[in-house]
């Protein structure tokens, strides 16, 4: 059975990971991720930094014209960790249903 991943389990980080996983390897830009998660700039940036430090998320910064753009995508390690965490959550739900 999979185990709880403390990094992913935090609610905002779980939302971030789920949003990035839904993109199937494509990056999400910061404003879109902010809208999906309903997070503030600082809060989202802080949680993305935590996930990046863990190797779960890759942050890409570039420019579109003269405007800076920040994008995030799951790394292979992050995708694997997210799948394992979802498997863990499913096992908890299934165990509760058996009671």
PDB file of N, CA and C in Angstrom:
ATOM      1  N   UNK A   1       0.839  -1.175   0.000  1.00  0.00           N
ATOM      2  CA  UNK A   1       0.000   0.000   0.000  1.00  0.00           C
ATOM      3  C   UNK A   1       0.890   1.246   0.000  1.00  0.00           C
ATOM      4  N   UNK A   2       0.477   2.247  -0.739  1.00  0.00           N
ATOM      5  CA  UNK A   2       1.204   3.513  -0.784  1.00  0.00           C
ATOM      6  C   UNK A   2       1.073   4.234   0.548  1.00  0.00           C
ATOM      7  N   UNK A   3       1.950   5.217   0.739  1.00  0.00           N
ATOM      8  CA  UNK A   3       1.933   5.977   1.982  1.00  0.00           C
ATOM      9  C   UNK A   3       1.610   7.435   1.711  1.00  0.00           C
ATOM     10  N   UNK A   4       1.185   8.098   2.762  1.00  0.00           N
ATOM     11  CA  UNK A   4       0.904   9.520   2.704  1.00  0.00           C
ATOM     12  C   UNK A   4       2.179  10.275   2.336  1.00  0.00           C
ATOM     13  N   UNK A   5       2.069  11.219   1.422  1.00  0.00           N
ATOM     14  CA  UNK A   5       3.187  12.089   1.070  1.00  0.00           C
ATOM     15  C   UNK A   5       2.918  13.437   1.724  1.00  0.00           C
ATOM     16  N   UNK A   6       3.665  13.741   2.784  1.00  0.00           N
ATOM     17  CA  UNK A   6       3.431  14.975   3.536  1.00  0.00           C
ATOM     18  C   UNK A   6       3.558  16.232   2.679  1.00  0.00           C
ATOM     19  N   UNK A   7       4.422  16.213   1.691  1.00  0.00           N
ATOM     20  CA  UNK A   7       4.578  17.385   0.821  1.00  0.00           C
ATOM     21  C   UNK A   7       3.331  17.635  -0.007  1.00  0.00           C
ATOM     22  N   UNK A   8       2.757  16.578  -0.532  1.00  0.00           N
ATOM     23  CA  UNK A   8       1.587  16.713  -1.406  1.00  0.00           C
ATOM     24  C   UNK A   8       0.307  16.866  -0.590  1.00  0.00           C
ATOM     25  N   UNK A   9       0.273  16.319   0.606  1.00  0.00           N
ATOM     26  CA  UNK A   9      -0.962  16.255   1.382  1.00  0.00           C
ATOM     27  C   UNK A   9      -1.513  17.625   1.770  1.00  0.00           C
ATOM     28  N   UNK A  10      -0.660  18.624   1.888  1.00  0.00           N
ATOM     29  CA  UNK A  10      -1.123  19.969   2.221  1.00  0.00           C
ATOM     30  C   UNK A  10      -2.134  20.398   1.148  1.00  0.00           C
ATOM     31  N   UNK A  11      -3.315  20.940   1.514  1.00  0.00           N
ATOM     32  CA  UNK A  11      -4.389  21.184   0.534  1.00  0.00           C
ATOM     33  C   UNK A  11      -4.005  21.997  -0.706  1.00  0.00           C
ATOM     34  N   UNK A  12      -3.284  23.087  -0.552  1.00  0.00           N
ATOM     35  CA  UNK A  12      -2.932  23.884  -1.731  1.00  0.00           C
ATOM     36  C   UNK A  12      -1.951  23.130  -2.620  1.00  0.00           C
ATOM     37  N   UNK A  13      -0.995  22.442  -2.027  1.00  0.00           N
ATOM     38  CA  UNK A  13      -0.047  21.678  -2.849  1.00  0.00           C
ATOM     39  C   UNK A  13      -0.757  20.530  -3.561  1.00  0.00           C
ATOM     40  N   UNK A  14      -1.750  19.942  -2.921  1.00  0.00           N
ATOM     41  CA  UNK A  14      -2.531  18.893  -3.580  1.00  0.00           C
ATOM     42  C   UNK A  14      -3.271  19.459  -4.787  1.00  0.00           C
ATOM     43  N   UNK A  15      -3.838  20.654  -4.650  1.00  0.00           N
ATOM     44  CA  UNK A  15      -4.510  21.311  -5.780  1.00  0.00           C
ATOM     45  C   UNK A  15      -3.523  21.600  -6.911  1.00  0.00           C
ATOM     46  N   UNK A  16      -2.344  22.099  -6.549  1.00  0.00           N
ATOM     47  CA  UNK A  16      -1.311  22.397  -7.552  1.00  0.00           C
ATOM     48  C   UNK A  16      -0.938  21.124  -8.303  1.00  0.00           C
ATOM     49  N   UNK A  17      -0.654  20.075  -7.561  1.00  0.00           N
ATOM     50  CA  UNK A  17      -0.246  18.807  -8.187  1.00  0.00           C
ATOM     51  C   UNK A  17      -1.354  18.255  -9.077  1.00  0.00           C
ATOM     52  N   UNK A  18      -2.603  18.334  -8.619  1.00  0.00           N
ATOM     53  CA  UNK A  18      -3.722  17.832  -9.416  1.00  0.00           C
ATOM     54  C   UNK A  18      -3.880  18.641 -10.702  1.00  0.00           C
ATOM     55  N   UNK A  19      -3.763  19.955 -10.600  1.00  0.00           N
ATOM     56  CA  UNK A  19      -3.881  20.804 -11.790  1.00  0.00           C
ATOM     57  C   UNK A  19      -2.774  20.505 -12.788  1.00  0.00           C
ATOM     58  N   UNK A  20      -1.555  20.350 -12.299  1.00  0.00           N
ATOM     59  CA  UNK A  20      -0.433  20.055 -13.197  1.00  0.00           C
ATOM     60  C   UNK A  20      -0.548  18.652 -13.787  1.00  0.00           C
ATOM     61  N   UNK A  21      -1.017  17.696 -13.002  1.00  0.00           N
ATOM     62  CA  UNK A  21      -1.183  16.333 -13.502  1.00  0.00           C
ATOM     63  C   UNK A  21      -2.225  16.284 -14.616  1.00  0.00           C
ATOM     64  N   UNK A  22      -3.248  17.104 -14.508  1.00  0.00           N
ATOM     65  CA  UNK A  22      -4.305  17.131 -15.522  1.00  0.00           C
ATOM     66  C   UNK A  22      -3.804  17.651 -16.865  1.00  0.00           C
ATOM     67  N   UNK A  23      -2.690  18.359 -16.851  1.00  0.00           N
ATOM     68  CA  UNK A  23      -2.145  18.945 -18.086  1.00  0.00           C
ATOM     69  C   UNK A  23      -1.320  17.952 -18.902  1.00  0.00           C
ATOM     70  N   UNK A  24      -1.143  16.739 -18.406  1.00  0.00           N
ATOM     71  CA  UNK A  24      -0.449  15.663 -19.134  1.00  0.00           C
ATOM     72  C   UNK A  24       0.920  16.096 -19.655  1.00  0.00           C
ATOM     73  N   UNK A  25       1.712  16.725 -18.785  1.00  0.00           N
ATOM     74  CA  UNK A  25       3.071  17.093 -19.153  1.00  0.00           C
ATOM     75  C   UNK A  25       3.233  18.486 -19.731  1.00  0.00           C
ATOM     76  N   UNK A  26       2.130  19.139 -20.034  1.00  0.00           N
ATOM     77  CA  UNK A  26       2.207  20.506 -20.546  1.00  0.00           C
ATOM     78  C   UNK A  26       2.307  21.475 -19.372  1.00  0.00           C
ATOM     79  N   UNK A  27       3.021  22.575 -19.533  1.00  0.00           N
ATOM     80  CA  UNK A  27       3.140  23.523 -18.431  1.00  0.00           C
ATOM     81  C   UNK A  27       1.865  24.349 -18.244  1.00  0.00           C
ATOM     82  N   UNK A  28       1.677  24.817 -17.050  1.00  0.00           N
ATOM     83  CA  UNK A  28       0.609  25.774 -16.734  1.00  0.00           C
ATOM     84  C   UNK A  28       1.278  27.079 -16.355  1.00  0.00           C
ATOM     85  N   UNK A  29       0.778  28.199 -16.873  1.00  0.00           N
ATOM     86  CA  UNK A  29       1.378  29.460 -16.486  1.00  0.00           C
ATOM     87  C   UNK A  29       0.829  29.901 -15.133  1.00  0.00           C
ATOM     88  N   UNK A  30       1.581  30.759 -14.477  1.00  0.00           N
ATOM     89  CA  UNK A  30       1.293  31.165 -13.109  1.00  0.00           C
ATOM     90  C   UNK A  30      -0.118  31.736 -12.955  1.00  0.00           C
ATOM     91  N   UNK A  31      -0.563  32.662 -13.825  1.00  0.00           N
ATOM     92  CA  UNK A  31      -1.917  33.206 -13.637  1.00  0.00           C
ATOM     93  C   UNK A  31      -3.016  32.131 -13.732  1.00  0.00           C
ATOM     94  N   UNK A  32      -2.843  31.182 -14.638  1.00  0.00           N
ATOM     95  CA  UNK A  32      -3.843  30.112 -14.770  1.00  0.00           C
ATOM     96  C   UNK A  32      -3.834  29.226 -13.528  1.00  0.00           C
ATOM     97  N   UNK A  33      -2.666  28.876 -13.050  1.00  0.00           N
ATOM     98  CA  UNK A  33      -2.547  28.051 -11.853  1.00  0.00           C
ATOM     99  C   UNK A  33      -3.111  28.792 -10.637  1.00  0.00           C
ATOM    100  N   UNK A  34      -2.889  30.081 -10.585  1.00  0.00           N
ATOM    101  CA  UNK A  34      -3.431  30.907  -9.502  1.00  0.00           C
ATOM    102  C   UNK A  34      -4.965  30.888  -9.543  1.00  0.00           C
ATOM    103  N   UNK A  35      -5.541  30.994 -10.727  1.00  0.00           N
ATOM    104  CA  UNK A  35      -7.001  30.968 -10.863  1.00  0.00           C
ATOM    105  C   UNK A  35      -7.573  29.609 -10.473  1.00  0.00           C
ATOM    106  N   UNK A  36      -6.908  28.550 -10.869  1.00  0.00           N
ATOM    107  CA  UNK A  36      -7.384  27.196 -10.561  1.00  0.00           C
ATOM    108  C   UNK A  36      -7.351  26.948  -9.052  1.00  0.00           C
ATOM    109  N   UNK A  37      -6.273  27.355  -8.413  1.00  0.00           N
ATOM    110  CA  UNK A  37      -6.090  27.051  -6.990  1.00  0.00           C
ATOM    111  C   UNK A  37      -6.705  28.094  -6.065  1.00  0.00           C
ATOM    112  N   UNK A  38      -7.059  29.263  -6.605  1.00  0.00           N
ATOM    113  CA  UNK A  38      -7.594  30.363  -5.802  1.00  0.00           C
ATOM    114  C   UNK A  38      -6.600  30.814  -4.730  1.00  0.00           C
ATOM    115  N   UNK A  39      -5.322  30.761  -5.051  1.00  0.00           N
ATOM    116  CA  UNK A  39      -4.266  31.153  -4.121  1.00  0.00           C
ATOM    117  C   UNK A  39      -3.808  32.575  -4.407  1.00  0.00           C
ATOM    118  N   UNK A  40      -3.179  33.183  -3.418  1.00  0.00           N
ATOM    119  CA  UNK A  40      -2.557  34.491  -3.644  1.00  0.00           C
ATOM    120  C   UNK A  40      -1.219  34.274  -4.347  1.00  0.00           C
ATOM    121  N   UNK A  41      -0.684  35.332  -4.914  1.00  0.00           N
ATOM    122  CA  UNK A  41       0.618  35.235  -5.589  1.00  0.00           C
ATOM    123  C   UNK A  41       1.681  34.676  -4.650  1.00  0.00           C
ATOM    124  N   UNK A  42       1.791  35.261  -3.463  1.00  0.00           N
ATOM    125  CA  UNK A  42       2.830  34.847  -2.521  1.00  0.00           C
ATOM    126  C   UNK A  42       2.659  33.418  -2.039  1.00  0.00           C
ATOM    127  N   UNK A  43       1.424  33.032  -1.744  1.00  0.00           N
ATOM    128  CA  UNK A  43       1.153  31.687  -1.264  1.00  0.00           C
ATOM    129  C   UNK A  43       1.451  30.662  -2.349  1.00  0.00           C
ATOM    130  N   UNK A  44       0.994  30.931  -3.567  1.00  0.00           N
ATOM    131  CA  UNK A  44       1.249  30.011  -4.671  1.00  0.00           C
ATOM    132  C   UNK A  44       2.745  29.906  -4.941  1.00  0.00           C
ATOM    133  N   UNK A  45       3.427  31.038  -4.955  1.00  0.00           N
ATOM    134  CA  UNK A  45       4.867  31.034  -5.198  1.00  0.00           C
ATOM    135  C   UNK A  45       5.620  30.237  -4.149  1.00  0.00           C
ATOM    136  N   UNK A  46       5.219  30.390  -2.899  1.00  0.00           N
ATOM    137  CA  UNK A  46       5.865  29.665  -1.805  1.00  0.00           C
ATOM    138  C   UNK A  46       5.671  28.158  -1.938  1.00  0.00           C
ATOM    139  N   UNK A  47       4.455  27.728  -2.241  1.00  0.00           N
ATOM    140  CA  UNK A  47       4.184  26.298  -2.369  1.00  0.00           C
ATOM    141  C   UNK A  47       4.846  25.710  -3.620  1.00  0.00           C
ATOM    142  N   UNK A  48       4.894  26.484  -4.696  1.00  0.00           N
ATOM    143  CA  UNK A  48       5.608  26.017  -5.890  1.00  0.00           C
ATOM    144  C   UNK A  48       7.093  25.844  -5.582  1.00  0.00           C
ATOM    145  N   UNK A  49       7.655  26.754  -4.813  1.00  0.00           N
ATOM    146  CA  UNK A  49       9.080  26.653  -4.439  1.00  0.00           C
ATOM    147  C   UNK A  49       9.328  25.392  -3.622  1.00  0.00           C
ATOM    148  N   UNK A  50       8.413  25.067  -2.714  1.00  0.00           N
ATOM    149  CA  UNK A  50       8.541  23.847  -1.904  1.00  0.00           C
ATOM    150  C   UNK A  50       8.503  22.613  -2.795  1.00  0.00           C
ATOM    151  N   UNK A  51       7.562  22.596  -3.733  1.00  0.00           N
ATOM    152  CA  UNK A  51       7.441  21.448  -4.645  1.00  0.00           C
ATOM    153  C   UNK A  51       8.642  21.359  -5.590  1.00  0.00           C
ATOM    154  N   UNK A  52       9.160  22.508  -6.002  1.00  0.00           N
ATOM    155  CA  UNK A  52      10.346  22.519  -6.870  1.00  0.00           C
ATOM    156  C   UNK A  52      11.560  21.986  -6.108  1.00  0.00           C
ATOM    157  N   UNK A  53      11.717  22.415  -4.857  1.00  0.00           N
ATOM    158  CA  UNK A  53      12.842  21.962  -4.039  1.00  0.00           C
ATOM    159  C   UNK A  53      12.809  20.441  -3.847  1.00  0.00           C
ATOM    160  N   UNK A  54      11.608  19.878  -3.770  1.00  0.00           N
ATOM    161  CA  UNK A  54      11.442  18.428  -3.610  1.00  0.00           C
ATOM    162  C   UNK A  54      11.664  17.680  -4.928  1.00  0.00           C
ATOM    163  N   UNK A  55      11.756  18.419  -6.033  1.00  0.00           N
ATOM    164  CA  UNK A  55      11.941  17.782  -7.338  1.00  0.00           C
ATOM    165  C   UNK A  55      10.646  17.341  -7.982  1.00  0.00           C
ATOM    166  N   UNK A  56       9.504  17.790  -7.442  1.00  0.00           N
ATOM    167  CA  UNK A  56       8.199  17.395  -7.971  1.00  0.00           C
ATOM    168  C   UNK A  56       7.728  18.297  -9.111  1.00  0.00           C
ATOM    169  N   UNK A  57       8.201  19.530  -9.123  1.00  0.00           N
ATOM    170  CA  UNK A  57       7.753  20.520 -10.100  1.00  0.00           C
ATOM    171  C   UNK A  57       8.971  21.203 -10.703  1.00  0.00           C
ATOM    172  N   UNK A  58       8.903  21.462 -11.991  1.00  0.00           N
ATOM    173  CA  UNK A  58       9.926  22.248 -12.673  1.00  0.00           C
ATOM    174  C   UNK A  58       9.330  23.625 -12.980  1.00  0.00           C
ATOM    175  N   UNK A  59      10.053  24.663 -12.641  1.00  0.00           N
ATOM    176  CA  UNK A  59       9.615  26.032 -12.893  1.00  0.00           C
ATOM    177  C   UNK A  59      10.428  26.566 -14.071  1.00  0.00           C
ATOM    178  N   UNK A  60       9.728  27.122 -15.043  1.00  0.00           N
ATOM    179  CA  UNK A  60      10.373  27.697 -16.225  1.00  0.00           C
ATOM    180  C   UNK A  60      10.010  29.170 -16.301  1.00  0.00           C
ATOM    181  N   UNK A  61      11.021  30.009 -16.443  1.00  0.00           N
ATOM    182  CA  UNK A  61      10.791  31.450 -16.565  1.00  0.00           C
ATOM    183  C   UNK A  61      11.336  31.914 -17.908  1.00  0.00           C
ATOM    184  N   UNK A  62      10.517  32.676 -18.614  1.00  0.00           N
ATOM    185  CA  UNK A  62      10.944  33.242 -19.886  1.00  0.00           C
ATOM    186  C   UNK A  62      10.173  34.536 -20.122  1.00  0.00           C
ATOM    187  N   UNK A  63      10.250  35.030 -21.328  1.00  0.00           N
ATOM    188  CA  UNK A  63       9.542  36.256 -21.676  1.00  0.00           C
ATOM    189  C   UNK A  63       8.668  36.004 -22.888  1.00  0.00           C
ATOM    190  N   UNK A  64       7.507  36.619 -22.875  1.00  0.00           N
ATOM    191  CA  UNK A  64       6.622  36.658 -24.037  1.00  0.00           C
ATOM    192  C   UNK A  64       6.596  38.124 -24.436  1.00  0.00           C
ATOM    193  N   UNK A  65       7.311  38.416 -25.512  1.00  0.00           N
ATOM    194  CA  UNK A  65       7.539  39.819 -25.821  1.00  0.00           C
ATOM    195  C   UNK A  65       8.416  40.400 -24.728  1.00  0.00           C
ATOM    196  N   UNK A  66       7.935  41.454 -24.094  1.00  0.00           N
ATOM    197  CA  UNK A  66       8.692  42.066 -22.998  1.00  0.00           C
ATOM    198  C   UNK A  66       8.137  41.680 -21.634  1.00  0.00           C
ATOM    199  N   UNK A  67       7.139  40.809 -21.616  1.00  0.00           N
ATOM    200  CA  UNK A  67       6.503  40.438 -20.349  1.00  0.00           C
ATOM    201  C   UNK A  67       7.079  39.127 -19.825  1.00  0.00           C
ATOM    202  N   UNK A  68       7.429  39.092 -18.539  1.00  0.00           N
ATOM    203  CA  UNK A  68       7.924  37.841 -17.956  1.00  0.00           C
ATOM    204  C   UNK A  68       6.794  36.818 -17.827  1.00  0.00           C
ATOM    205  N   UNK A  69       7.163  35.558 -17.978  1.00  0.00           N
ATOM    206  CA  UNK A  69       6.192  34.473 -17.839  1.00  0.00           C
ATOM    207  C   UNK A  69       6.817  33.374 -16.986  1.00  0.00           C
ATOM    208  N   UNK A  70       6.052  32.893 -16.030  1.00  0.00           N
ATOM    209  CA  UNK A  70       6.466  31.773 -15.185  1.00  0.00           C
ATOM    210  C   UNK A  70       5.513  30.623 -15.445  1.00  0.00           C
ATOM    211  N   UNK A  71       6.080  29.467 -15.735  1.00  0.00           N
ATOM    212  CA  UNK A  71       5.284  28.270 -15.973  1.00  0.00           C
ATOM    213  C   UNK A  71       5.770  27.152 -15.064  1.00  0.00           C
ATOM    214  N   UNK A  72       4.859  26.254 -14.736  1.00  0.00           N
ATOM    215  CA  UNK A  72       5.206  25.102 -13.908  1.00  0.00           C
ATOM    216  C   UNK A  72       4.716  23.837 -14.597  1.00  0.00           C
ATOM    217  N   UNK A  73       5.471  22.773 -14.420  1.00  0.00           N
ATOM    218  CA  UNK A  73       5.061  21.460 -14.922  1.00  0.00           C
ATOM    219  C   UNK A  73       5.545  20.402 -13.944  1.00  0.00           C
ATOM    220  N   UNK A  74       4.846  19.260 -13.936  1.00  0.00           N
ATOM    221  CA  UNK A  74       5.283  18.150 -13.096  1.00  0.00           C
ATOM    222  C   UNK A  74       6.525  17.519 -13.684  1.00  0.00           C
ATOM    223  N   UNK A  75       7.427  17.120 -12.832  1.00  0.00           N
ATOM    224  CA  UNK A  75       8.579  16.322 -13.252  1.00  0.00           C
ATOM    225  C   UNK A  75       8.148  14.853 -13.232  1.00  0.00           C
ATOM    226  N   UNK A  76       8.915  13.967 -13.839  1.00  0.00           N
ATOM    227  CA  UNK A  76       8.590  12.537 -13.718  1.00  0.00           C
ATOM    228  C   UNK A  76       8.501  12.090 -12.258  1.00  0.00           C
ATOM    229  N   UNK A  77       9.409  12.597 -11.417  1.00  0.00           N
ATOM    230  CA  UNK A  77       9.363  12.270  -9.981  1.00  0.00           C
ATOM    231  C   UNK A  77       8.062  12.772  -9.360  1.00  0.00           C
ATOM    232  N   UNK A  78       7.640  13.968  -9.732  1.00  0.00           N
ATOM    233  CA  UNK A  78       6.406  14.542  -9.213  1.00  0.00           C
ATOM    234  C   UNK A  78       5.179  13.769  -9.661  1.00  0.00           C
ATOM    235  N   UNK A  79       5.169  13.356 -10.925  1.00  0.00           N
ATOM    236  CA  UNK A  79       4.037  12.574 -11.441  1.00  0.00           C
ATOM    237  C   UNK A  79       3.936  11.249 -10.686  1.00  0.00           C
ATOM    238  N   UNK A  80       5.063  10.604 -10.461  1.00  0.00           N
ATOM    239  CA  UNK A  80       5.078   9.333  -9.737  1.00  0.00           C
ATOM    240  C   UNK A  80       4.590   9.526  -8.294  1.00  0.00           C
ATOM    241  N   UNK A  81       5.073  10.581  -7.639  1.00  0.00           N
ATOM    242  CA  UNK A  81       4.674  10.868  -6.260  1.00  0.00           C
ATOM    243  C   UNK A  81       3.180  11.181  -6.176  1.00  0.00           C
ATOM    244  N   UNK A  82       2.676  11.937  -7.154  1.00  0.00           N
ATOM    245  CA  UNK A  82       1.251  12.277  -7.150  1.00  0.00           C
ATOM    246  C   UNK A  82       0.401  11.025  -7.331  1.00  0.00           C
ATOM    247  N   UNK A  83       0.778  10.177  -8.266  1.00  0.00           N
ATOM    248  CA  UNK A  83       0.034   8.922  -8.468  1.00  0.00           C
ATOM    249  C   UNK A  83       0.028   8.071  -7.200  1.00  0.00           C
ATOM    250  N   UNK A  84       1.167   7.971  -6.540  1.00  0.00           N
ATOM    251  CA  UNK A  84       1.259   7.181  -5.308  1.00  0.00           C
ATOM    252  C   UNK A  84       0.389   7.797  -4.211  1.00  0.00           C
ATOM    253  N   UNK A  85       0.360   9.105  -4.128  1.00  0.00           N
ATOM    254  CA  UNK A  85      -0.458   9.768  -3.108  1.00  0.00           C
ATOM    255  C   UNK A  85      -1.946   9.546  -3.383  1.00  0.00           C
ATOM    256  N   UNK A  86      -2.338   9.649  -4.638  1.00  0.00           N
ATOM    257  CA  UNK A  86      -3.738   9.398  -5.006  1.00  0.00           C
ATOM    258  C   UNK A  86      -4.108   7.943  -4.690  1.00  0.00           C
ATOM    259  N   UNK A  87      -3.202   7.032  -4.956  1.00  0.00           N
ATOM    260  CA  UNK A  87      -3.436   5.618  -4.626  1.00  0.00           C
ATOM    261  C   UNK A  87      -3.625   5.455  -3.117  1.00  0.00           C
ATOM    262  N   UNK A  88      -2.814   6.145  -2.341  1.00  0.00           N
ATOM    263  CA  UNK A  88      -2.950   6.103  -0.891  1.00  0.00           C
ATOM    264  C   UNK A  88      -4.332   6.623  -0.466  1.00  0.00           C
ATOM    265  N   UNK A  89      -4.742   7.774  -1.013  1.00  0.00           N
ATOM    266  CA  UNK A  89      -6.042   8.341  -0.654  1.00  0.00           C
ATOM    267  C   UNK A  89      -7.181   7.390  -1.022  1.00  0.00           C
ATOM    268  N   UNK A  90      -7.074   6.759  -2.182  1.00  0.00           N
ATOM    269  CA  UNK A  90      -8.098   5.776  -2.583  1.00  0.00           C
ATOM    270  C   UNK A  90      -8.160   4.615  -1.594  1.00  0.00           C
ATOM    271  N   UNK A  91      -7.007   4.155  -1.155  1.00  0.00           N
ATOM    272  CA  UNK A  91      -6.985   3.029  -0.208  1.00  0.00           C
ATOM    273  C   UNK A  91      -7.627   3.413   1.116  1.00  0.00           C
ATOM    274  N   UNK A  92      -7.446   4.649   1.538  1.00  0.00           N
ATOM    275  CA  UNK A  92      -8.081   5.120   2.772  1.00  0.00           C
ATOM    276  C   UNK A  92      -9.600   5.149   2.609  1.00  0.00           C
ATOM    277  N   UNK A  93     -10.067   5.651   1.478  1.00  0.00           N
ATOM    278  CA  UNK A  93     -11.511   5.716   1.214  1.00  0.00           C
ATOM    279  C   UNK A  93     -12.094   4.297   1.146  1.00  0.00           C
ATOM    280  N   UNK A  94     -11.408   3.402   0.449  1.00  0.00           N
ATOM    281  CA  UNK A  94     -11.903   2.034   0.320  1.00  0.00           C
ATOM    282  C   UNK A  94     -11.947   1.335   1.682  1.00  0.00           C
ATOM    283  N   UNK A  95     -10.944   1.582   2.517  1.00  0.00           N
ATOM    284  CA  UNK A  95     -10.927   0.985   3.845  1.00  0.00           C
ATOM    285  C   UNK A  95     -12.091   1.500   4.688  1.00  0.00           C
ATOM    286  N   UNK A  96     -12.389   2.783   4.549  1.00  0.00           N
ATOM    287  CA  UNK A  96     -13.499   3.374   5.302  1.00  0.00           C
ATOM    288  C   UNK A  96     -14.833   2.817   4.815  1.00  0.00           C
ATOM    289  N   UNK A  97     -14.952   2.556   3.520  1.00  0.00           N
ATOM    290  CA  UNK A  97     -16.194   2.007   2.967  1.00  0.00           C
ATOM    291  C   UNK A  97     -16.448   0.592   3.456  1.00  0.00           C
ATOM    292  N   UNK A  98     -15.384  -0.129   3.801  1.00  0.00           N
ATOM    293  CA  UNK A  98     -15.515  -1.509   4.252  1.00  0.00           C
ATOM    294  C   UNK A  98     -15.981  -1.595   5.706  1.00  0.00           C
ATOM    295  N   UNK A  99     -15.912  -0.503   6.416  1.00  0.00           N
ATOM    296  CA  UNK A  99     -16.310  -0.506   7.836  1.00  0.00           C
ATOM    297  C   UNK A  99     -17.803  -0.649   8.015  1.00  0.00           C
TER     298      UNK A  99
END
